[in-house]
Amino acid sequence: MTSDTRTGILVGTALVVVLFVALGIVNQNSSGSDSQVSDEFAQCITDSGAKMYGAYWCGHCNDQKEAFGSAWDKINYIECSANDDDGQAQQCTNAGITGYPTWEFGDGSRVGGKQTMEFLANKTGCEYSE
């Protein structure tokens, strides 16, 4: 094996190692602490009067659900997709929901889109720690 070949192999190996390390860091950061949401925090959000309107086919809604992990079942969630997938459930129509996800809070205010846990904590007065 020539020295150029060995150098090429070493550089290639180093690049592969750097790539795997970088992917590990990105994966660790993307999973974040949102996947560790406590049941108590999620229940506090619901107890504050907050609820989320969404649709099972909505990507941002599903991202929000995943951010809560197993604590999601404590959130007051209203499914807006009509049974025939051709329209909106009456409860959501009556509430004037026009986009998904829509968070409605105890004070009557609303915000659309996936929200951070920090935002939800501030808006509801619930304690969230990473």
N, C-alpha and C. Protein backbone atom coordinates (compact mmCIF):
# COMPACT_ATOMS: atom_id res chain seq x y z
N MET A 1 0.85 -1.16 0.00
CA MET A 1 0.00 0.00 0.00
C MET A 1 0.90 1.23 0.00
N THR A 2 0.60 2.17 -0.87
CA THR A 2 1.42 3.38 -0.94
C THR A 2 1.02 4.34 0.17
N SER A 3 1.87 5.31 0.41
CA SER A 3 1.57 6.27 1.47
C SER A 3 0.38 7.14 1.09
N ASP A 4 0.17 7.41 -0.20
CA ASP A 4 -1.00 8.17 -0.64
C ASP A 4 -2.29 7.40 -0.38
N THR A 5 -2.25 6.10 -0.58
CA THR A 5 -3.42 5.26 -0.32
C THR A 5 -3.75 5.24 1.16
N ARG A 6 -2.70 5.07 1.99
CA ARG A 6 -2.92 5.06 3.45
C ARG A 6 -3.47 6.41 3.92
N THR A 7 -2.94 7.48 3.39
CA THR A 7 -3.42 8.81 3.77
C THR A 7 -4.88 8.96 3.37
N GLY A 8 -5.23 8.51 2.18
CA GLY A 8 -6.61 8.58 1.72
C GLY A 8 -7.55 7.79 2.61
N ILE A 9 -7.11 6.60 3.03
CA ILE A 9 -7.92 5.76 3.91
C ILE A 9 -8.09 6.43 5.27
N LEU A 10 -7.00 6.99 5.81
CA LEU A 10 -7.08 7.68 7.11
C LEU A 10 -8.00 8.89 7.04
N VAL A 11 -7.88 9.67 6.00
CA VAL A 11 -8.75 10.85 5.85
C VAL A 11 -10.21 10.41 5.71
N GLY A 12 -10.46 9.40 4.90
CA GLY A 12 -11.82 8.89 4.73
C GLY A 12 -12.40 8.37 6.04
N THR A 13 -11.60 7.63 6.79
CA THR A 13 -12.04 7.11 8.09
C THR A 13 -12.34 8.25 9.05
N ALA A 14 -11.47 9.25 9.06
CA ALA A 14 -11.68 10.41 9.94
C ALA A 14 -12.98 11.13 9.58
N LEU A 15 -13.25 11.28 8.30
CA LEU A 15 -14.49 11.94 7.88
C LEU A 15 -15.72 11.14 8.30
N VAL A 16 -15.65 9.83 8.19
CA VAL A 16 -16.76 8.99 8.62
C VAL A 16 -16.99 9.13 10.12
N VAL A 17 -15.92 9.14 10.90
CA VAL A 17 -16.05 9.29 12.36
C VAL A 17 -16.66 10.65 12.68
N VAL A 18 -16.18 11.71 12.04
CA VAL A 18 -16.72 13.05 12.28
C VAL A 18 -18.20 13.09 11.91
N LEU A 19 -18.56 12.47 10.82
CA LEU A 19 -19.96 12.43 10.40
C LEU A 19 -20.84 11.74 11.44
N PHE A 20 -20.41 10.59 11.95
CA PHE A 20 -21.19 9.88 12.96
C PHE A 20 -21.31 10.69 14.25
N VAL A 21 -20.25 11.35 14.66
CA VAL A 21 -20.30 12.18 15.86
C VAL A 21 -21.28 13.33 15.64
N ALA A 22 -21.19 13.98 14.48
CA ALA A 22 -22.09 15.09 14.18
C ALA A 22 -23.54 14.63 14.15
N LEU A 23 -23.81 13.50 13.54
CA LEU A 23 -25.18 12.98 13.51
C LEU A 23 -25.69 12.66 14.91
N GLY A 24 -24.83 12.16 15.75
CA GLY A 24 -25.21 11.88 17.14
C GLY A 24 -25.58 13.14 17.88
N ILE A 25 -24.83 14.21 17.66
CA ILE A 25 -25.12 15.48 18.33
C ILE A 25 -26.43 16.05 17.81
N VAL A 26 -26.64 16.03 16.51
CA VAL A 26 -27.88 16.54 15.94
C VAL A 26 -29.07 15.74 16.46
N ASN A 27 -28.96 14.42 16.49
CA ASN A 27 -30.04 13.58 16.97
C ASN A 27 -30.34 13.87 18.44
N GLN A 28 -29.31 14.05 19.23
CA GLN A 28 -29.50 14.34 20.66
C GLN A 28 -30.22 15.66 20.83
N ASN A 29 -29.82 16.68 20.07
CA ASN A 29 -30.45 17.98 20.18
C ASN A 29 -31.86 17.99 19.64
N SER A 30 -32.13 17.23 18.60
CA SER A 30 -33.47 17.25 18.02
C SER A 30 -34.47 16.54 18.90
N SER A 31 -34.04 15.53 19.64
CA SER A 31 -34.98 14.86 20.53
C SER A 31 -35.28 15.75 21.71
N GLY A 32 -34.30 16.50 22.15
CA GLY A 32 -34.49 17.52 23.17
C GLY A 32 -35.21 17.04 24.40
N SER A 33 -35.50 17.97 25.27
CA SER A 33 -36.16 17.62 26.52
C SER A 33 -37.67 17.58 26.36
N ASP A 34 -38.20 18.09 25.22
CA ASP A 34 -39.64 18.06 25.05
C ASP A 34 -40.19 16.64 25.13
N SER A 35 -39.36 15.64 24.78
CA SER A 35 -39.83 14.27 24.83
C SER A 35 -39.92 13.77 26.28
N GLN A 36 -39.46 14.57 27.22
CA GLN A 36 -39.48 14.19 28.63
C GLN A 36 -40.51 15.00 29.41
N VAL A 37 -41.56 15.43 28.76
CA VAL A 37 -42.59 16.22 29.42
C VAL A 37 -43.26 15.38 30.49
N SER A 38 -43.42 15.97 31.66
CA SER A 38 -44.03 15.22 32.77
C SER A 38 -45.55 15.22 32.65
N ASP A 39 -46.15 14.19 33.21
CA ASP A 39 -47.60 14.11 33.26
C ASP A 39 -48.16 15.29 34.04
N GLU A 40 -47.46 15.71 35.09
CA GLU A 40 -47.93 16.82 35.93
C GLU A 40 -48.01 18.12 35.12
N PHE A 41 -46.99 18.37 34.29
CA PHE A 41 -46.99 19.57 33.46
C PHE A 41 -48.15 19.53 32.47
N ALA A 42 -48.32 18.42 31.80
CA ALA A 42 -49.41 18.28 30.84
C ALA A 42 -50.77 18.42 31.52
N GLN A 43 -50.93 17.83 32.69
CA GLN A 43 -52.20 17.93 33.42
C GLN A 43 -52.44 19.37 33.85
N CYS A 44 -51.40 20.07 34.26
CA CYS A 44 -51.52 21.47 34.65
C CYS A 44 -52.02 22.31 33.48
N ILE A 45 -51.50 22.03 32.28
CA ILE A 45 -51.96 22.76 31.09
C ILE A 45 -53.46 22.57 30.91
N THR A 46 -53.92 21.33 31.02
CA THR A 46 -55.34 21.05 30.89
C THR A 46 -56.13 21.71 32.02
N ASP A 47 -55.63 21.60 33.25
CA ASP A 47 -56.32 22.20 34.40
C ASP A 47 -56.43 23.72 34.28
N SER A 48 -55.51 24.34 33.52
CA SER A 48 -55.54 25.79 33.35
C SER A 48 -56.64 26.22 32.39
N GLY A 49 -57.27 25.26 31.73
CA GLY A 49 -58.32 25.56 30.77
C GLY A 49 -57.85 25.54 29.33
N ALA A 50 -56.60 25.20 29.11
CA ALA A 50 -56.06 25.16 27.75
C ALA A 50 -56.51 23.88 27.04
N LYS A 51 -56.64 24.00 25.73
CA LYS A 51 -56.96 22.83 24.91
C LYS A 51 -56.36 23.05 23.53
N MET A 52 -56.14 21.94 22.85
CA MET A 52 -55.60 22.02 21.51
C MET A 52 -56.59 21.42 20.53
N TYR A 53 -56.91 22.18 19.50
CA TYR A 53 -57.72 21.71 18.40
C TYR A 53 -56.77 21.25 17.30
N GLY A 54 -57.06 20.09 16.71
CA GLY A 54 -56.19 19.58 15.67
C GLY A 54 -56.89 18.56 14.81
N ALA A 55 -56.11 17.98 13.90
CA ALA A 55 -56.61 16.94 13.01
C ALA A 55 -55.57 15.84 12.92
N TYR A 56 -56.04 14.61 12.85
CA TYR A 56 -55.11 13.48 12.87
C TYR A 56 -54.15 13.51 11.68
N TRP A 57 -54.52 14.14 10.58
CA TRP A 57 -53.69 14.17 9.38
C TRP A 57 -52.75 15.38 9.35
N CYS A 58 -52.82 16.22 10.37
CA CYS A 58 -52.03 17.46 10.43
C CYS A 58 -50.62 17.18 10.96
N GLY A 59 -49.62 17.43 10.14
CA GLY A 59 -48.23 17.18 10.53
C GLY A 59 -47.79 17.97 11.75
N HIS A 60 -48.15 19.26 11.83
CA HIS A 60 -47.75 20.07 12.98
C HIS A 60 -48.46 19.60 14.25
N CYS A 61 -49.68 19.14 14.09
CA CYS A 61 -50.41 18.58 15.24
C CYS A 61 -49.69 17.34 15.75
N ASN A 62 -49.30 16.48 14.84
CA ASN A 62 -48.60 15.26 15.23
C ASN A 62 -47.25 15.58 15.86
N ASP A 63 -46.55 16.61 15.35
CA ASP A 63 -45.30 17.04 15.97
C ASP A 63 -45.53 17.51 17.41
N GLN A 64 -46.63 18.25 17.62
CA GLN A 64 -46.94 18.73 18.96
C GLN A 64 -47.23 17.56 19.89
N LYS A 65 -48.00 16.59 19.41
CA LYS A 65 -48.30 15.41 20.21
C LYS A 65 -47.02 14.67 20.58
N GLU A 66 -46.13 14.50 19.60
CA GLU A 66 -44.87 13.80 19.85
C GLU A 66 -44.00 14.55 20.85
N ALA A 67 -44.07 15.87 20.84
CA ALA A 67 -43.28 16.67 21.78
C ALA A 67 -43.69 16.37 23.23
N PHE A 68 -44.94 16.02 23.44
CA PHE A 68 -45.42 15.69 24.78
C PHE A 68 -45.11 14.25 25.16
N GLY A 69 -44.82 13.42 24.20
CA GLY A 69 -44.54 12.02 24.49
C GLY A 69 -45.72 11.36 25.16
N SER A 70 -45.44 10.54 26.15
CA SER A 70 -46.50 9.78 26.83
C SER A 70 -47.43 10.67 27.65
N ALA A 71 -47.02 11.91 27.92
CA ALA A 71 -47.87 12.83 28.69
C ALA A 71 -49.00 13.41 27.84
N TRP A 72 -48.97 13.14 26.52
CA TRP A 72 -49.99 13.70 25.64
C TRP A 72 -51.40 13.35 26.08
N ASP A 73 -51.60 12.18 26.65
CA ASP A 73 -52.96 11.77 27.03
C ASP A 73 -53.54 12.63 28.14
N LYS A 74 -52.75 13.51 28.74
CA LYS A 74 -53.25 14.43 29.77
C LYS A 74 -53.75 15.74 29.17
N ILE A 75 -53.46 15.98 27.89
CA ILE A 75 -53.84 17.23 27.24
C ILE A 75 -55.28 17.15 26.74
N ASN A 76 -56.02 18.24 26.94
CA ASN A 76 -57.38 18.33 26.42
C ASN A 76 -57.27 18.59 24.93
N TYR A 77 -57.52 17.56 24.14
CA TYR A 77 -57.37 17.62 22.69
C TYR A 77 -58.73 17.41 22.03
N ILE A 78 -59.04 18.29 21.06
CA ILE A 78 -60.27 18.17 20.31
C ILE A 78 -59.91 17.84 18.86
N GLU A 79 -60.37 16.69 18.41
CA GLU A 79 -60.14 16.24 17.03
C GLU A 79 -61.14 16.95 16.11
N CYS A 80 -60.62 17.68 15.14
CA CYS A 80 -61.47 18.48 14.26
C CYS A 80 -61.79 17.83 12.93
N SER A 81 -61.12 16.78 12.59
CA SER A 81 -61.38 16.15 11.29
C SER A 81 -62.71 15.41 11.37
N ALA A 82 -63.58 15.72 10.42
CA ALA A 82 -64.88 15.06 10.39
C ALA A 82 -64.68 13.57 10.10
N ASN A 83 -65.61 12.78 10.54
CA ASN A 83 -65.52 11.33 10.38
C ASN A 83 -65.29 10.91 8.94
N ASP A 84 -65.85 11.65 8.00
CA ASP A 84 -65.70 11.28 6.60
C ASP A 84 -64.48 11.96 5.95
N ASP A 85 -63.67 12.64 6.76
CA ASP A 85 -62.47 13.35 6.29
C ASP A 85 -62.80 14.43 5.26
N ASP A 86 -64.07 14.77 5.15
CA ASP A 86 -64.48 15.77 4.18
C ASP A 86 -65.19 16.90 4.91
N GLY A 87 -64.44 17.59 5.73
CA GLY A 87 -65.03 18.67 6.49
C GLY A 87 -64.49 18.71 7.90
N GLN A 88 -65.11 19.52 8.70
CA GLN A 88 -64.64 19.76 10.06
C GLN A 88 -65.71 19.35 11.05
N ALA A 89 -65.29 18.79 12.16
CA ALA A 89 -66.23 18.40 13.21
C ALA A 89 -67.00 19.64 13.69
N GLN A 90 -68.23 19.45 14.01
CA GLN A 90 -69.11 20.56 14.38
C GLN A 90 -68.57 21.36 15.56
N GLN A 91 -68.01 20.69 16.55
CA GLN A 91 -67.47 21.39 17.72
C GLN A 91 -66.40 22.41 17.30
N CYS A 92 -65.58 22.04 16.34
CA CYS A 92 -64.52 22.94 15.87
C CYS A 92 -65.09 24.06 15.01
N THR A 93 -66.09 23.74 14.20
CA THR A 93 -66.76 24.76 13.41
C THR A 93 -67.42 25.78 14.33
N ASN A 94 -68.12 25.28 15.35
CA ASN A 94 -68.78 26.17 16.31
C ASN A 94 -67.77 27.06 17.04
N ALA A 95 -66.57 26.54 17.28
CA ALA A 95 -65.54 27.29 17.99
C ALA A 95 -64.81 28.26 17.06
N GLY A 96 -65.07 28.19 15.77
CA GLY A 96 -64.43 29.10 14.82
C GLY A 96 -62.98 28.74 14.51
N ILE A 97 -62.65 27.47 14.62
CA ILE A 97 -61.29 27.02 14.35
C ILE A 97 -61.07 27.01 12.84
N THR A 98 -59.99 27.69 12.41
CA THR A 98 -59.71 27.79 10.97
C THR A 98 -58.37 27.18 10.58
N GLY A 99 -57.56 26.76 11.54
CA GLY A 99 -56.27 26.15 11.23
C GLY A 99 -55.84 25.23 12.35
N TYR A 100 -54.91 24.37 12.01
CA TYR A 100 -54.45 23.35 12.97
C TYR A 100 -52.93 23.39 13.09
N PRO A 101 -52.40 23.13 14.27
CA PRO A 101 -53.11 23.11 15.54
C PRO A 101 -53.48 24.52 15.99
N THR A 102 -54.53 24.62 16.76
CA THR A 102 -54.89 25.86 17.43
C THR A 102 -54.98 25.58 18.92
N TRP A 103 -54.20 26.32 19.68
CA TRP A 103 -54.27 26.24 21.14
C TRP A 103 -55.22 27.33 21.62
N GLU A 104 -56.15 26.97 22.49
CA GLU A 104 -57.03 27.93 23.14
C GLU A 104 -56.75 27.86 24.63
N PHE A 105 -56.63 29.02 25.25
CA PHE A 105 -56.24 29.09 26.66
C PHE A 105 -57.41 29.51 27.53
N GLY A 106 -57.26 29.33 28.82
CA GLY A 106 -58.31 29.62 29.79
C GLY A 106 -58.83 31.05 29.72
N ASP A 107 -57.97 31.98 29.28
CA ASP A 107 -58.39 33.38 29.17
C ASP A 107 -59.10 33.68 27.85
N GLY A 108 -59.30 32.64 27.02
CA GLY A 108 -60.00 32.81 25.75
C GLY A 108 -59.08 33.14 24.59
N SER A 109 -57.82 33.43 24.85
CA SER A 109 -56.90 33.74 23.75
C SER A 109 -56.52 32.47 23.00
N ARG A 110 -56.09 32.66 21.77
CA ARG A 110 -55.71 31.54 20.91
C ARG A 110 -54.38 31.83 20.23
N VAL A 111 -53.70 30.75 19.89
CA VAL A 111 -52.47 30.84 19.11
C VAL A 111 -52.41 29.61 18.21
N GLY A 112 -51.96 29.81 16.99
CA GLY A 112 -51.87 28.71 16.04
C GLY A 112 -50.46 28.18 15.92
N GLY A 113 -50.35 26.94 15.52
CA GLY A 113 -49.06 26.31 15.27
C GLY A 113 -48.54 25.54 16.47
N LYS A 114 -47.49 24.76 16.20
CA LYS A 114 -46.83 24.00 17.26
C LYS A 114 -46.16 24.98 18.21
N GLN A 115 -46.37 24.78 19.50
CA GLN A 115 -45.82 25.68 20.51
C GLN A 115 -44.73 24.98 21.32
N THR A 116 -43.79 25.77 21.81
CA THR A 116 -42.75 25.22 22.67
C THR A 116 -43.32 24.99 24.07
N MET A 117 -42.68 24.12 24.80
CA MET A 117 -43.11 23.87 26.17
C MET A 117 -42.95 25.13 27.02
N GLU A 118 -41.91 25.90 26.74
CA GLU A 118 -41.68 27.14 27.48
C GLU A 118 -42.83 28.13 27.26
N PHE A 119 -43.28 28.25 26.00
CA PHE A 119 -44.40 29.13 25.71
C PHE A 119 -45.65 28.67 26.45
N LEU A 120 -45.93 27.37 26.37
CA LEU A 120 -47.13 26.84 27.04
C LEU A 120 -47.05 27.04 28.55
N ALA A 121 -45.86 26.88 29.11
CA ALA A 121 -45.68 27.10 30.55
C ALA A 121 -45.98 28.56 30.90
N ASN A 122 -45.43 29.48 30.12
CA ASN A 122 -45.65 30.91 30.40
C ASN A 122 -47.11 31.29 30.23
N LYS A 123 -47.73 30.75 29.21
CA LYS A 123 -49.12 31.12 28.91
C LYS A 123 -50.10 30.54 29.94
N THR A 124 -49.79 29.36 30.47
CA THR A 124 -50.73 28.69 31.39
C THR A 124 -50.36 28.86 32.86
N GLY A 125 -49.14 29.33 33.14
CA GLY A 125 -48.70 29.44 34.52
C GLY A 125 -48.24 28.12 35.10
N CYS A 126 -48.03 27.13 34.24
CA CYS A 126 -47.58 25.81 34.70
C CYS A 126 -46.07 25.77 34.74
N GLU A 127 -45.55 25.03 35.69
CA GLU A 127 -44.10 24.92 35.85
C GLU A 127 -43.55 23.85 34.93
N TYR A 128 -42.58 24.27 34.12
CA TYR A 128 -41.92 23.34 33.20
C TYR A 128 -40.42 23.44 33.43
N SER A 129 -39.81 22.29 33.60
CA SER A 129 -38.35 22.28 33.72
C SER A 129 -37.80 21.22 32.76
N GLU A 130 -36.69 21.59 32.17
CA GLU A 130 -36.07 20.69 31.19
C GLU A 130 -35.32 19.59 31.87
